[in-house]
Structures are given as C-alpha cells and as structure tokens.
C-alpha cells in the first residue's frame, strides 16, 4: 500500500530514507530544473573545481524545460523530460549531495546504485500534464545558463508539487515491480 509524504526542501536524508517505490510525494519549497545541456555544464564546473550556480546539498532537480509564461503566471507548461539523458551526469551530482530527481522513464543501474549508496531517490512526474503541473509552481527565475533557453537552470518555488517515487534508497524500482504485479494479475 503506497503512502503519501509531504516534504519541504531542501531534503534531509532522514526524510527520504522512509519512502518506498510507489509512494506519492508532495514537494514544497525550492526545486531546480536542469536538462542534459545544463548537467554537462555542471559536471564540467565540478571537474574544473569551480563553484556551481546552485548548492546541491539536499536539492531536488526536476528534469524539465518550461515553456514561456503566459500573462499573470510565473511559468508556462512545465512537464518532465526523459531522464536517461542525465544518467551520465547524475551519479556525480548524487555523490555531491543531490537527494532527488524528478523526470520520466527508467534510470540506469549506475544511477540506481548511486542513489542507494548516497541515499537519494528518483521520482516520476506525469508526462503530458505540464500545464497542470505548472499550477503548483508559484515563482520561477533563471539562475544559470540563460543562453540555453528552455534548458536553462530555473529556480522554482513550488507548493505541493506532485510526484511518485520510482527508485527508493533501497534500490527498489517501481517500473520493475509494477510490471511484475501486472504480469501476476494477467
């Protein structure tokens, strides 16, 4: 039976170690968007021992590229993008304190192992629901890489931003267990 958790960001390890694959989470506070181009730049800064434009400790990164804000709104549609494109970069960011990632699709074994080792989680947001998800975003500002357009790093202030835990700190994978449960019923 899945549970519902409400978390304030930045995340604390003692909070996320209790969630399991299949649980629902509502995030409030600050989360950041970043896609593959921004991830590559972050890793380059790390390798060059230069400061990052955001503090990764306890942070949540949402793999999304928001559309322009309509009048009266802080942001346009902001749906998840495919997560595997960040898999080459995620283990290093997790090792440096990143505690949660939100996107869509499966993660590599290397990323799952890094989540287990460093106590981080991966969550899915509903693809195709970017306009609905954006209603949970109260403020949005670009903090780095404005030249990347939609792929810039955005700082989002969110209220009860919904996501489902796919990979937990124990290595469980909702995509695998969900498929097994489906096969058992069929």
N, C-alpha and C. Protein backbone atom coordinates (compact mmCIF):
# COMPACT_ATOMS: atom_id res chain seq x y z
N UNK A 1 0.85 -1.18 0.00
CA UNK A 1 0.00 0.00 0.00
C UNK A 1 0.89 1.24 0.00
N UNK A 2 0.71 2.09 -0.98
CA UNK A 2 1.54 3.30 -1.06
C UNK A 2 1.10 4.32 -0.02
N UNK A 3 2.06 5.17 0.35
CA UNK A 3 1.82 6.23 1.33
C UNK A 3 2.01 7.58 0.66
N UNK A 4 1.51 8.62 1.31
CA UNK A 4 1.69 9.99 0.84
C UNK A 4 2.60 10.71 1.82
N UNK A 5 3.63 11.37 1.29
CA UNK A 5 4.57 12.15 2.09
C UNK A 5 4.55 13.59 1.61
N UNK A 6 4.69 14.52 2.54
CA UNK A 6 4.85 15.93 2.23
C UNK A 6 6.24 16.35 2.70
N UNK A 7 7.05 16.86 1.77
CA UNK A 7 8.41 17.25 2.10
C UNK A 7 8.65 18.71 1.77
N UNK A 8 9.37 19.38 2.68
CA UNK A 8 9.88 20.73 2.45
C UNK A 8 11.32 20.57 1.95
N UNK A 9 11.69 21.41 1.00
CA UNK A 9 13.07 21.38 0.50
C UNK A 9 13.88 22.45 1.20
N UNK A 10 15.20 22.25 1.33
CA UNK A 10 15.97 21.11 0.87
C UNK A 10 15.65 19.86 1.69
N UNK A 11 15.88 18.72 1.06
CA UNK A 11 15.53 17.44 1.68
C UNK A 11 16.57 17.01 2.70
N UNK A 12 16.11 16.25 3.67
CA UNK A 12 17.00 15.65 4.67
C UNK A 12 17.01 14.15 4.45
N UNK A 13 18.16 13.55 4.63
CA UNK A 13 18.28 12.11 4.43
C UNK A 13 17.27 11.33 5.26
N UNK A 14 17.06 11.77 6.52
CA UNK A 14 16.13 11.03 7.39
C UNK A 14 14.70 11.05 6.86
N UNK A 15 14.37 12.03 6.02
CA UNK A 15 13.04 12.05 5.41
C UNK A 15 12.95 11.04 4.26
N UNK A 16 13.91 11.11 3.36
CA UNK A 16 13.75 10.31 2.14
C UNK A 16 14.04 8.82 2.33
N UNK A 17 14.76 8.44 3.37
CA UNK A 17 15.02 7.01 3.56
C UNK A 17 13.76 6.24 3.95
N UNK A 18 12.72 6.95 4.35
CA UNK A 18 11.48 6.26 4.73
C UNK A 18 10.55 5.98 3.56
N UNK A 19 10.74 6.67 2.42
CA UNK A 19 9.83 6.47 1.29
C UNK A 19 10.21 5.21 0.53
N UNK A 20 9.23 4.62 -0.12
CA UNK A 20 9.44 3.41 -0.91
C UNK A 20 8.87 3.62 -2.31
N UNK A 21 9.39 2.85 -3.24
CA UNK A 21 8.90 2.89 -4.61
C UNK A 21 7.38 2.71 -4.60
N UNK A 22 6.70 3.59 -5.31
CA UNK A 22 5.24 3.58 -5.35
C UNK A 22 4.59 4.61 -4.46
N UNK A 23 5.34 5.15 -3.48
CA UNK A 23 4.79 6.19 -2.61
C UNK A 23 4.62 7.49 -3.39
N UNK A 24 3.69 8.31 -2.93
CA UNK A 24 3.45 9.63 -3.52
C UNK A 24 4.11 10.69 -2.64
N UNK A 25 4.67 11.72 -3.29
CA UNK A 25 5.33 12.80 -2.57
C UNK A 25 4.81 14.13 -3.08
N UNK A 26 4.58 15.05 -2.15
CA UNK A 26 4.24 16.43 -2.48
C UNK A 26 5.39 17.30 -1.96
N UNK A 27 6.09 17.98 -2.88
CA UNK A 27 7.21 18.84 -2.51
C UNK A 27 6.74 20.28 -2.37
N UNK A 28 7.22 20.95 -1.34
CA UNK A 28 7.02 22.39 -1.19
C UNK A 28 8.38 23.01 -0.89
N UNK A 29 8.59 24.21 -1.42
CA UNK A 29 9.87 24.89 -1.24
C UNK A 29 10.50 25.16 -2.59
N UNK A 30 11.83 25.05 -2.65
CA UNK A 30 12.56 25.34 -3.88
C UNK A 30 13.04 24.05 -4.52
N UNK A 31 12.80 23.91 -5.81
CA UNK A 31 13.40 22.86 -6.63
C UNK A 31 14.00 23.54 -7.85
N UNK A 32 14.89 22.85 -8.54
CA UNK A 32 15.54 23.41 -9.72
C UNK A 32 15.25 22.55 -10.93
N UNK A 33 15.16 23.20 -12.10
CA UNK A 33 15.09 22.44 -13.34
C UNK A 33 16.49 22.36 -13.93
N UNK A 34 16.77 21.28 -14.62
CA UNK A 34 18.01 21.15 -15.38
C UNK A 34 17.85 19.96 -16.32
N UNK A 35 18.29 20.15 -17.53
CA UNK A 35 18.29 19.07 -18.52
C UNK A 35 19.73 18.74 -18.89
N UNK A 36 19.92 17.95 -19.94
CA UNK A 36 21.24 17.42 -20.25
C UNK A 36 22.30 18.48 -20.54
N UNK A 37 21.98 19.53 -21.26
CA UNK A 37 22.98 20.57 -21.55
C UNK A 37 23.46 21.25 -20.26
N UNK A 38 22.52 21.54 -19.36
CA UNK A 38 22.89 22.15 -18.08
C UNK A 38 23.68 21.16 -17.22
N UNK A 39 23.29 19.90 -17.24
CA UNK A 39 24.03 18.89 -16.47
C UNK A 39 25.48 18.81 -16.95
N UNK A 40 25.67 18.83 -18.25
CA UNK A 40 27.03 18.77 -18.79
C UNK A 40 27.85 19.95 -18.28
N UNK A 41 27.26 21.13 -18.26
CA UNK A 41 27.98 22.31 -17.77
C UNK A 41 28.29 22.20 -16.28
N UNK A 42 27.34 21.67 -15.50
CA UNK A 42 27.59 21.49 -14.07
C UNK A 42 28.76 20.55 -13.83
N UNK A 43 28.76 19.42 -14.53
CA UNK A 43 29.84 18.44 -14.36
C UNK A 43 31.17 19.04 -14.81
N UNK A 44 31.16 19.83 -15.88
CA UNK A 44 32.40 20.49 -16.31
C UNK A 44 32.93 21.42 -15.21
N UNK A 45 32.05 22.17 -14.57
CA UNK A 45 32.46 23.04 -13.47
C UNK A 45 33.06 22.23 -12.32
N UNK A 46 32.42 21.11 -12.00
CA UNK A 46 32.92 20.24 -10.92
C UNK A 46 34.32 19.74 -11.28
N UNK A 47 34.47 19.26 -12.51
CA UNK A 47 35.77 18.73 -12.94
C UNK A 47 36.86 19.81 -12.95
N UNK A 48 36.46 21.06 -13.21
CA UNK A 48 37.40 22.17 -13.22
C UNK A 48 37.57 22.79 -11.82
N UNK A 49 36.88 22.18 -10.83
CA UNK A 49 36.93 22.65 -9.43
C UNK A 49 36.49 24.11 -9.29
N UNK A 50 35.45 24.47 -10.05
CA UNK A 50 34.87 25.81 -10.00
C UNK A 50 33.54 25.75 -9.25
N UNK A 51 33.09 26.86 -8.69
CA UNK A 51 31.82 26.86 -7.95
C UNK A 51 30.61 26.61 -8.87
N UNK A 52 29.62 25.97 -8.30
CA UNK A 52 28.37 25.70 -9.02
C UNK A 52 27.39 26.86 -8.82
N UNK A 53 26.45 27.04 -9.75
CA UNK A 53 25.46 28.11 -9.61
C UNK A 53 24.33 27.78 -8.62
N UNK A 54 24.37 26.58 -8.04
CA UNK A 54 23.40 26.18 -7.03
C UNK A 54 24.06 25.22 -6.06
N UNK A 55 23.54 25.17 -4.85
CA UNK A 55 24.04 24.26 -3.82
C UNK A 55 23.29 22.94 -3.99
N UNK A 56 24.01 21.86 -4.26
CA UNK A 56 23.38 20.55 -4.49
C UNK A 56 22.93 19.86 -3.21
N UNK A 57 23.43 20.26 -2.07
CA UNK A 57 23.17 19.56 -0.82
C UNK A 57 21.67 19.55 -0.48
N UNK A 58 21.06 18.35 -0.50
CA UNK A 58 19.65 18.20 -0.16
C UNK A 58 18.70 18.64 -1.26
N UNK A 59 19.24 18.91 -2.43
CA UNK A 59 18.46 19.51 -3.50
C UNK A 59 17.63 18.51 -4.31
N UNK A 60 16.62 19.07 -4.99
CA UNK A 60 15.77 18.35 -5.92
C UNK A 60 15.97 18.97 -7.29
N UNK A 61 16.28 18.15 -8.30
CA UNK A 61 16.36 18.62 -9.68
C UNK A 61 15.24 17.97 -10.47
N UNK A 62 14.48 18.82 -11.13
CA UNK A 62 13.36 18.41 -11.98
C UNK A 62 13.84 18.48 -13.42
N UNK A 63 13.82 17.35 -14.11
CA UNK A 63 14.25 17.30 -15.50
C UNK A 63 13.12 17.86 -16.37
N UNK A 64 13.18 19.16 -16.62
CA UNK A 64 12.11 19.83 -17.36
C UNK A 64 12.67 21.05 -18.07
N UNK A 65 11.99 21.43 -19.12
CA UNK A 65 12.32 22.65 -19.85
C UNK A 65 11.03 23.44 -20.00
N UNK A 66 10.78 24.39 -19.11
CA UNK A 66 9.50 25.09 -19.11
C UNK A 66 9.28 25.94 -20.36
N UNK A 67 8.02 26.09 -20.71
CA UNK A 67 7.66 26.98 -21.81
C UNK A 67 7.47 28.40 -21.26
N UNK A 68 7.46 29.40 -22.16
CA UNK A 68 7.30 30.79 -21.68
C UNK A 68 6.03 30.98 -20.86
N UNK A 69 6.11 31.90 -19.91
CA UNK A 69 4.98 32.17 -19.02
C UNK A 69 3.89 32.96 -19.75
N UNK A 70 2.65 32.52 -19.63
CA UNK A 70 1.55 33.34 -20.15
C UNK A 70 1.31 34.52 -19.19
N UNK A 71 0.59 35.53 -19.63
CA UNK A 71 0.34 36.69 -18.75
C UNK A 71 -0.27 36.26 -17.40
N UNK A 72 0.30 36.82 -16.33
CA UNK A 72 -0.22 36.56 -14.99
C UNK A 72 0.26 35.27 -14.35
N UNK A 73 1.12 34.52 -15.02
CA UNK A 73 1.63 33.26 -14.46
C UNK A 73 3.15 33.33 -14.36
N UNK A 74 3.75 32.64 -13.39
CA UNK A 74 5.21 32.68 -13.26
C UNK A 74 5.94 31.84 -14.30
N UNK A 75 5.21 30.90 -14.93
CA UNK A 75 5.85 29.95 -15.84
C UNK A 75 4.78 29.34 -16.74
N UNK A 76 5.21 28.85 -17.90
CA UNK A 76 4.29 28.14 -18.78
C UNK A 76 4.24 26.67 -18.40
N UNK A 77 3.83 25.83 -19.35
CA UNK A 77 3.80 24.39 -19.11
C UNK A 77 5.18 23.92 -18.69
N UNK A 78 5.22 22.98 -17.77
CA UNK A 78 6.50 22.53 -17.22
C UNK A 78 6.42 21.04 -16.92
N UNK A 79 6.37 20.24 -17.99
CA UNK A 79 6.29 18.80 -17.84
C UNK A 79 7.66 18.15 -17.83
N UNK A 80 7.73 16.90 -17.38
CA UNK A 80 9.02 16.20 -17.26
C UNK A 80 9.57 15.78 -18.62
N UNK A 81 10.90 15.68 -18.68
CA UNK A 81 11.56 15.15 -19.86
C UNK A 81 12.19 13.80 -19.51
N UNK A 82 12.61 13.09 -20.52
CA UNK A 82 13.16 11.75 -20.35
C UNK A 82 14.47 11.80 -19.56
N UNK A 83 14.51 11.01 -18.51
CA UNK A 83 15.59 11.10 -17.53
C UNK A 83 16.89 10.43 -17.94
N UNK A 84 16.85 9.41 -18.78
CA UNK A 84 18.08 8.68 -19.07
C UNK A 84 19.15 9.57 -19.70
N UNK A 85 18.75 10.70 -20.30
CA UNK A 85 19.74 11.61 -20.89
C UNK A 85 20.64 12.24 -19.82
N UNK A 86 20.21 12.21 -18.58
CA UNK A 86 21.03 12.76 -17.48
C UNK A 86 21.83 11.68 -16.76
N UNK A 87 21.68 10.42 -17.16
CA UNK A 87 22.32 9.32 -16.45
C UNK A 87 23.85 9.40 -16.41
N UNK A 88 24.47 9.97 -17.44
CA UNK A 88 25.93 10.08 -17.44
C UNK A 88 26.42 11.06 -16.38
N UNK A 89 25.57 11.99 -15.98
CA UNK A 89 25.96 13.05 -15.05
C UNK A 89 25.44 12.84 -13.63
N UNK A 90 24.33 12.13 -13.50
CA UNK A 90 23.63 12.01 -12.22
C UNK A 90 24.47 11.41 -11.09
N UNK A 91 25.24 10.32 -11.30
CA UNK A 91 25.97 9.76 -10.16
C UNK A 91 26.90 10.75 -9.47
N UNK A 92 27.58 11.59 -10.22
CA UNK A 92 28.47 12.59 -9.61
C UNK A 92 27.67 13.61 -8.82
N UNK A 93 26.55 14.07 -9.37
CA UNK A 93 25.73 15.06 -8.66
C UNK A 93 25.12 14.46 -7.39
N UNK A 94 24.74 13.19 -7.47
CA UNK A 94 24.21 12.50 -6.29
C UNK A 94 25.30 12.40 -5.22
N UNK A 95 26.51 12.05 -5.63
CA UNK A 95 27.63 11.94 -4.68
C UNK A 95 27.92 13.27 -3.99
N UNK A 96 27.58 14.38 -4.66
CA UNK A 96 27.83 15.71 -4.10
C UNK A 96 26.65 16.26 -3.32
N UNK A 97 25.61 15.43 -3.09
CA UNK A 97 24.53 15.85 -2.20
C UNK A 97 23.14 15.94 -2.80
N UNK A 98 23.00 15.80 -4.13
CA UNK A 98 21.67 15.81 -4.74
C UNK A 98 20.84 14.68 -4.12
N UNK A 99 19.64 14.99 -3.64
CA UNK A 99 18.83 13.99 -2.93
C UNK A 99 17.63 13.48 -3.72
N UNK A 100 17.18 14.23 -4.74
CA UNK A 100 16.03 13.74 -5.50
C UNK A 100 16.08 14.29 -6.92
N UNK A 101 15.61 13.46 -7.83
CA UNK A 101 15.46 13.83 -9.22
C UNK A 101 14.05 13.49 -9.64
N UNK A 102 13.45 14.35 -10.47
CA UNK A 102 12.09 14.12 -10.96
C UNK A 102 12.15 14.15 -12.48
N UNK A 103 11.56 13.17 -13.11
CA UNK A 103 11.53 13.12 -14.57
C UNK A 103 10.55 12.07 -15.03
N UNK A 104 10.88 11.43 -16.15
CA UNK A 104 10.08 10.31 -16.62
C UNK A 104 11.00 9.27 -17.25
N UNK A 105 10.63 8.02 -17.12
CA UNK A 105 11.41 6.93 -17.70
C UNK A 105 12.39 6.30 -16.72
N UNK A 106 12.93 5.16 -17.14
CA UNK A 106 13.83 4.36 -16.31
C UNK A 106 15.19 5.03 -16.17
N UNK A 107 15.89 4.64 -15.09
CA UNK A 107 17.25 5.09 -14.83
C UNK A 107 18.21 3.91 -15.01
N UNK A 108 19.47 4.22 -15.26
CA UNK A 108 20.48 3.18 -15.45
C UNK A 108 20.83 2.53 -14.11
N UNK A 109 21.46 1.37 -14.20
CA UNK A 109 21.90 0.67 -12.99
C UNK A 109 22.91 1.52 -12.22
N UNK A 110 23.77 2.24 -12.93
CA UNK A 110 24.77 3.10 -12.29
C UNK A 110 24.09 4.19 -11.46
N UNK A 111 23.03 4.79 -11.98
CA UNK A 111 22.32 5.83 -11.24
C UNK A 111 21.61 5.22 -10.03
N UNK A 112 20.98 4.08 -10.21
CA UNK A 112 20.28 3.42 -9.10
C UNK A 112 21.29 3.06 -8.00
N UNK A 113 22.45 2.54 -8.38
CA UNK A 113 23.48 2.22 -7.39
C UNK A 113 23.95 3.46 -6.63
N UNK A 114 24.10 4.58 -7.34
CA UNK A 114 24.50 5.84 -6.69
C UNK A 114 23.41 6.29 -5.71
N UNK A 115 22.14 6.12 -6.07
CA UNK A 115 21.05 6.50 -5.17
C UNK A 115 21.08 5.66 -3.89
N UNK A 116 21.34 4.37 -4.03
CA UNK A 116 21.42 3.51 -2.86
C UNK A 116 22.61 3.91 -1.99
N UNK A 117 23.76 4.09 -2.61
CA UNK A 117 24.99 4.41 -1.87
C UNK A 117 24.89 5.75 -1.13
N UNK A 118 24.31 6.75 -1.78
CA UNK A 118 24.30 8.11 -1.22
C UNK A 118 22.93 8.54 -0.71
N UNK A 119 21.98 7.62 -0.67
CA UNK A 119 20.64 7.88 -0.13
C UNK A 119 19.93 9.02 -0.87
N UNK A 120 19.58 8.72 -2.11
CA UNK A 120 18.83 9.65 -2.94
C UNK A 120 17.66 8.89 -3.56
N UNK A 121 16.70 9.62 -4.13
CA UNK A 121 15.53 8.99 -4.74
C UNK A 121 15.27 9.60 -6.12
N UNK A 122 14.57 8.82 -6.92
CA UNK A 122 14.12 9.28 -8.24
C UNK A 122 12.61 9.16 -8.28
N UNK A 123 11.97 10.20 -8.78
CA UNK A 123 10.51 10.24 -8.84
C UNK A 123 10.05 10.54 -10.25
N UNK A 124 8.84 10.14 -10.55
CA UNK A 124 8.23 10.42 -11.85
C UNK A 124 7.14 11.47 -11.67
N UNK A 125 7.12 12.39 -12.62
CA UNK A 125 6.01 13.34 -12.74
C UNK A 125 5.20 12.90 -13.95
N UNK A 126 3.95 13.26 -13.98
CA UNK A 126 3.08 12.80 -15.06
C UNK A 126 3.41 13.51 -16.36
N UNK A 127 3.89 12.72 -17.33
CA UNK A 127 4.15 13.27 -18.66
C UNK A 127 2.85 13.69 -19.32
N UNK A 128 2.89 14.74 -20.10
CA UNK A 128 1.70 15.24 -20.78
C UNK A 128 0.83 16.13 -19.93
N UNK A 129 1.24 16.37 -18.69
CA UNK A 129 0.44 17.18 -17.78
C UNK A 129 1.18 18.44 -17.37
N UNK A 130 2.05 18.94 -18.25
CA UNK A 130 2.88 20.09 -17.93
C UNK A 130 2.10 21.32 -17.53
N UNK A 131 0.95 21.56 -18.16
CA UNK A 131 0.14 22.73 -17.82
C UNK A 131 -0.45 22.58 -16.42
N UNK A 132 -0.88 21.38 -16.06
CA UNK A 132 -1.42 21.15 -14.72
C UNK A 132 -0.33 21.24 -13.67
N UNK A 133 0.82 20.63 -13.95
CA UNK A 133 1.93 20.67 -13.01
C UNK A 133 2.35 22.11 -12.74
N UNK A 134 2.35 22.94 -13.77
CA UNK A 134 2.81 24.32 -13.61
C UNK A 134 1.96 25.11 -12.62
N UNK A 135 0.75 24.65 -12.35
CA UNK A 135 -0.10 25.33 -11.37
C UNK A 135 0.45 25.20 -9.95
N UNK A 136 1.35 24.26 -9.73
CA UNK A 136 1.99 24.07 -8.42
C UNK A 136 3.24 24.93 -8.27
N UNK A 137 3.62 25.64 -9.35
CA UNK A 137 4.81 26.48 -9.34
C UNK A 137 4.39 27.92 -9.06
N UNK A 138 4.88 28.47 -7.97
CA UNK A 138 4.46 29.81 -7.52
C UNK A 138 5.41 30.91 -7.98
N UNK A 139 6.70 30.57 -8.15
CA UNK A 139 7.71 31.53 -8.63
C UNK A 139 8.68 30.78 -9.52
N UNK A 140 9.22 31.47 -10.52
CA UNK A 140 10.20 30.86 -11.42
C UNK A 140 11.19 31.91 -11.89
N UNK A 141 12.48 31.64 -11.66
CA UNK A 141 13.53 32.54 -12.12
C UNK A 141 14.70 31.72 -12.66
N UNK A 142 15.33 32.23 -13.70
CA UNK A 142 16.51 31.57 -14.24
C UNK A 142 17.70 31.91 -13.32
N UNK A 143 18.47 30.86 -12.94
CA UNK A 143 19.63 31.08 -12.09
C UNK A 143 20.95 30.82 -12.82
N UNK A 144 20.90 30.11 -13.96
CA UNK A 144 22.13 29.83 -14.69
C UNK A 144 21.82 29.40 -16.12
N UNK A 145 22.75 29.72 -17.01
CA UNK A 145 22.74 29.26 -18.39
C UNK A 145 21.54 29.75 -19.19
N UNK A 146 21.24 31.03 -19.05
CA UNK A 146 20.12 31.63 -19.78
C UNK A 146 20.25 31.41 -21.28
N UNK A 147 21.50 31.30 -21.78
CA UNK A 147 21.72 31.08 -23.21
C UNK A 147 21.15 29.75 -23.69
N UNK A 148 20.84 28.84 -22.78
CA UNK A 148 20.26 27.54 -23.16
C UNK A 148 18.75 27.61 -23.38
N UNK A 149 18.16 28.76 -23.18
CA UNK A 149 16.71 28.90 -23.39
C UNK A 149 15.94 28.04 -22.41
N UNK A 150 15.07 27.19 -22.95
CA UNK A 150 14.24 26.33 -22.10
C UNK A 150 15.08 25.37 -21.24
N UNK A 151 16.33 25.13 -21.65
CA UNK A 151 17.19 24.21 -20.89
C UNK A 151 18.04 24.92 -19.84
N UNK A 152 17.80 26.20 -19.61
CA UNK A 152 18.50 26.92 -18.54
C UNK A 152 18.14 26.28 -17.20
N UNK A 153 18.92 26.58 -16.18
CA UNK A 153 18.57 26.12 -14.84
C UNK A 153 17.62 27.15 -14.23
N UNK A 154 16.45 26.69 -13.88
CA UNK A 154 15.42 27.53 -13.27
C UNK A 154 15.30 27.20 -11.79
N UNK A 155 15.08 28.21 -10.99
CA UNK A 155 14.76 28.05 -9.57
C UNK A 155 13.24 28.18 -9.46
N UNK A 156 12.60 27.11 -9.01
CA UNK A 156 11.14 27.10 -8.89
C UNK A 156 10.74 27.05 -7.42
N UNK A 157 9.84 27.92 -7.02
CA UNK A 157 9.22 27.82 -5.71
C UNK A 157 7.91 27.08 -5.94
N UNK A 158 7.80 25.91 -5.31
CA UNK A 158 6.64 25.05 -5.55
C UNK A 158 5.83 24.85 -4.28
N UNK A 159 4.56 24.54 -4.48
CA UNK A 159 3.68 24.21 -3.37
C UNK A 159 2.96 22.92 -3.71
N UNK A 160 3.26 21.88 -2.91
CA UNK A 160 2.67 20.55 -3.08
C UNK A 160 2.80 20.05 -4.52
N UNK A 161 4.04 20.10 -5.01
CA UNK A 161 4.38 19.61 -6.34
C UNK A 161 4.32 18.08 -6.31
N UNK A 162 3.46 17.44 -7.13
CA UNK A 162 3.24 16.00 -7.02
C UNK A 162 4.21 15.15 -7.84
N UNK A 163 4.65 14.05 -7.23
CA UNK A 163 5.50 13.07 -7.92
C UNK A 163 5.34 11.71 -7.25
N UNK A 164 5.71 10.67 -7.98
CA UNK A 164 5.63 9.30 -7.48
C UNK A 164 7.03 8.71 -7.41
N UNK A 165 7.38 8.09 -6.29
CA UNK A 165 8.71 7.51 -6.12
C UNK A 165 8.85 6.30 -7.04
N UNK A 166 9.86 6.34 -7.90
CA UNK A 166 10.16 5.23 -8.80
C UNK A 166 11.29 4.39 -8.23
N UNK A 167 12.38 5.05 -7.82
CA UNK A 167 13.52 4.37 -7.23
C UNK A 167 13.76 4.93 -5.83
N UNK A 168 13.79 4.03 -4.85
CA UNK A 168 13.99 4.47 -3.47
C UNK A 168 15.42 4.22 -3.02
N UNK A 169 15.72 4.54 -1.79
CA UNK A 169 17.09 4.41 -1.26
C UNK A 169 17.49 2.95 -1.02
N UNK A 170 16.54 2.04 -1.17
CA UNK A 170 16.82 0.62 -1.01
C UNK A 170 17.09 -0.07 -2.35
N UNK A 171 16.95 0.67 -3.45
CA UNK A 171 17.19 0.10 -4.78
C UNK A 171 15.94 -0.46 -5.44
N UNK A 172 14.79 -0.31 -4.79
CA UNK A 172 13.55 -0.79 -5.42
C UNK A 172 13.22 0.07 -6.63
N UNK A 173 12.62 -0.56 -7.64
CA UNK A 173 12.30 0.10 -8.90
C UNK A 173 10.83 -0.14 -9.22
N UNK A 174 10.04 0.92 -9.17
CA UNK A 174 8.60 0.81 -9.42
C UNK A 174 8.30 0.27 -10.81
N UNK A 175 9.13 0.62 -11.80
CA UNK A 175 8.89 0.11 -13.15
C UNK A 175 9.03 -1.40 -13.21
N UNK A 176 9.96 -1.96 -12.45
CA UNK A 176 10.16 -3.40 -12.42
C UNK A 176 9.06 -4.08 -11.60
N UNK A 177 8.83 -3.60 -10.38
CA UNK A 177 7.82 -4.24 -9.52
C UNK A 177 6.41 -4.06 -10.08
N UNK A 178 6.15 -2.92 -10.68
CA UNK A 178 4.83 -2.69 -11.28
C UNK A 178 4.56 -3.65 -12.43
N UNK A 179 5.57 -3.89 -13.25
CA UNK A 179 5.43 -4.83 -14.36
C UNK A 179 5.21 -6.24 -13.83
N UNK A 180 5.95 -6.62 -12.78
CA UNK A 180 5.77 -7.94 -12.19
C UNK A 180 4.35 -8.11 -11.64
N UNK A 181 3.85 -7.10 -10.95
CA UNK A 181 2.49 -7.16 -10.41
C UNK A 181 1.46 -7.28 -11.53
N UNK A 182 1.67 -6.56 -12.62
CA UNK A 182 0.75 -6.63 -13.76
C UNK A 182 0.74 -8.04 -14.34
N UNK A 183 1.91 -8.64 -14.50
CA UNK A 183 2.02 -9.97 -15.07
C UNK A 183 1.36 -11.02 -14.17
N UNK A 184 1.44 -10.81 -12.85
CA UNK A 184 0.84 -11.75 -11.91
C UNK A 184 -0.69 -11.72 -12.00
N UNK A 185 -1.24 -10.58 -12.30
CA UNK A 185 -2.70 -10.42 -12.39
C UNK A 185 -3.22 -10.89 -13.75
N UNK A 186 -2.41 -10.76 -14.79
CA UNK A 186 -2.85 -11.09 -16.16
C UNK A 186 -2.96 -12.57 -16.38
